[in-house]
C-alpha atoms as a PDB file:
ATOM      1  CA  MET A   1       0.000   0.000   0.000  1.00  0.00           C
ATOM      2  CA  ALA A   2       1.162   3.546  -0.707  1.00  0.00           C
ATOM      3  CA  ASP A   3       1.719   6.202   1.912  1.00  0.00           C
ATOM      4  CA  ILE A   4      -0.884   8.906   2.058  1.00  0.00           C
ATOM      5  CA  VAL A   5       0.642  12.342   1.454  1.00  0.00           C
ATOM      6  CA  ASN A   6      -1.028  15.585   2.370  1.00  0.00           C
ATOM      7  CA  LEU A   7      -0.165  17.792  -0.600  1.00  0.00           C
ATOM      8  CA  ARG A   8      -0.682  21.022   1.325  1.00  0.00           C
ATOM      9  CA  GLN A   9       1.825  19.957   3.979  1.00  0.00           C
ATOM     10  CA  ALA A  10       4.278  18.708   1.350  1.00  0.00           C
ATOM     11  CA  ARG A  11       4.100  22.044  -0.505  1.00  0.00           C
ATOM     12  CA  LYS A  12       4.696  24.014   2.708  1.00  0.00           C
ATOM     13  CA  GLN A  13       7.627  21.777   3.678  1.00  0.00           C
ATOM     14  CA  LYS A  14       9.166  22.244   0.234  1.00  0.00           C
ATOM     15  CA  ALA A  15       8.840  26.052   0.604  1.00  0.00           C
ATOM     16  CA  ARG A  16      10.481  25.927   4.061  1.00  0.00           C
ATOM     17  CA  ASP A  17      13.340  23.829   2.706  1.00  0.00           C
ATOM     18  CA  GLU A  18      13.856  26.298  -0.148  1.00  0.00           C
ATOM     19  CA  LYS A  19      13.922  29.270   2.257  1.00  0.00           C
ATOM     20  CA  THR A  20      16.489  27.457   4.401  1.00  0.00           C
ATOM     21  CA  ARG A  21      18.669  26.772   1.365  1.00  0.00           C
ATOM     22  CA  VAL A  22      18.545  30.416   0.261  1.00  0.00           C
ATOM     23  CA  ALA A  23      19.335  31.581   3.809  1.00  0.00           C
ATOM     24  CA  GLU A  24      22.417  29.353   3.914  1.00  0.00           C
ATOM     25  CA  GLN A  25      23.645  30.797   0.625  1.00  0.00           C
ATOM     26  CA  ASN A  26      23.111  34.368   1.887  1.00  0.00           C
ATOM     27  CA  ARG A  27      24.988  33.634   5.107  1.00  0.00           C
ATOM     28  CA  ALA A  28      27.903  32.304   3.084  1.00  0.00           C
ATOM     29  CA  LEU A  29      27.933  35.339   0.785  1.00  0.00           C
ATOM     30  CA  HIS A  30      27.214  38.180   3.217  1.00  0.00           C
ATOM     31  CA  GLY A  31      27.943  36.887   6.689  1.00  0.00           C
ATOM     32  CA  ARG A  32      30.827  38.449   8.540  1.00  0.00           C
ATOM     33  CA  SER A  33      31.809  37.955  12.128  1.00  0.00           C
ATOM     34  CA  LYS A  34      31.686  40.777  14.634  1.00  0.00           C
ATOM     35  CA  ALA A  35      35.487  40.848  14.724  1.00  0.00           C
ATOM     36  CA  GLU A  36      35.685  41.280  10.937  1.00  0.00           C
ATOM     37  CA  LYS A  37      33.180  44.143  11.018  1.00  0.00           C
ATOM     38  CA  HIS A  38      35.091  45.824  13.854  1.00  0.00           C
ATOM     39  CA  ARG A  39      38.427  45.429  12.036  1.00  0.00           C
ATOM     40  CA  ASP A  40      37.008  46.959   8.856  1.00  0.00           C
ATOM     41  CA  ARG A  41      35.486  49.859  10.817  1.00  0.00           C
ATOM     42  CA  LEU A  42      38.834  50.577  12.522  1.00  0.00           C
ATOM     43  CA  ASN A  43      40.657  50.513   9.173  1.00  0.00           C
ATOM     44  CA  ALA A  44      38.132  52.919   7.659  1.00  0.00           C
ATOM     45  CA  ASP A  45      38.469  55.294  10.637  1.00  0.00           C
ATOM     46  CA  LYS A  46      42.261  55.178  10.406  1.00  0.00           C
ATOM     47  CA  ALA A  47      42.180  55.926   6.682  1.00  0.00           C
ATOM     48  CA  GLU A  48      39.764  58.835   7.209  1.00  0.00           C
ATOM     49  CA  LYS A  49      42.002  60.366   9.888  1.00  0.00           C
ATOM     50  CA  PHE A  50      45.012  60.012   7.601  1.00  0.00           C
ATOM     51  CA  VAL A  51      43.259  61.755   4.725  1.00  0.00           C
ATOM     52  CA  ALA A  52      41.838  64.468   6.992  1.00  0.00           C
ATOM     53  CA  GLY A  53      45.302  65.165   8.359  1.00  0.00           C
ATOM     54  CA  HIS A  54      46.697  65.757   4.879  1.00  0.00           C
ATOM     55  CA  ARG A  55      43.956  68.019   3.546  1.00  0.00           C
ATOM     56  CA  LEU A  56      44.871  71.479   2.421  1.00  0.00           C
ATOM     57  CA  ASP A  57      43.089  74.554   3.666  1.00  0.00           C
ATOM     58  CA  PRO A  58      40.135  75.050   1.308  1.00  0.00           C
ATOM     59  CA  SER A  59      40.214  78.864   1.530  1.00  0.00           C
ATOM     60  CA  GLY A  60      43.737  79.073   0.075  1.00  0.00           C
ATOM     61  CA  LYS A  61      44.793  81.611   2.700  1.00  0.00           C
ATOM     62  CA  ASP A  62      47.727  81.137   5.016  1.00  0.00           C
ATOM     63  CA  LYS A  63      46.857  80.885   8.661  1.00  0.00           C
ATOM     64  CA  GLN A  64      48.628  83.461  10.804  1.00  0.00           C
END
């Protein structure tokens, strides 16, 4: 005898499995640890301070 399958439940389970698969792919592509985010933020801050320290005076006048 064949197993009875509730098609509604099978369709919902298939949709849940698909969402799980897509979520795993997104985590692999976009997931970064807290330490990686912090490191990148510190590097960006350091670069911004470096650039800001080497900017010329926009007015073109000498400070006296």
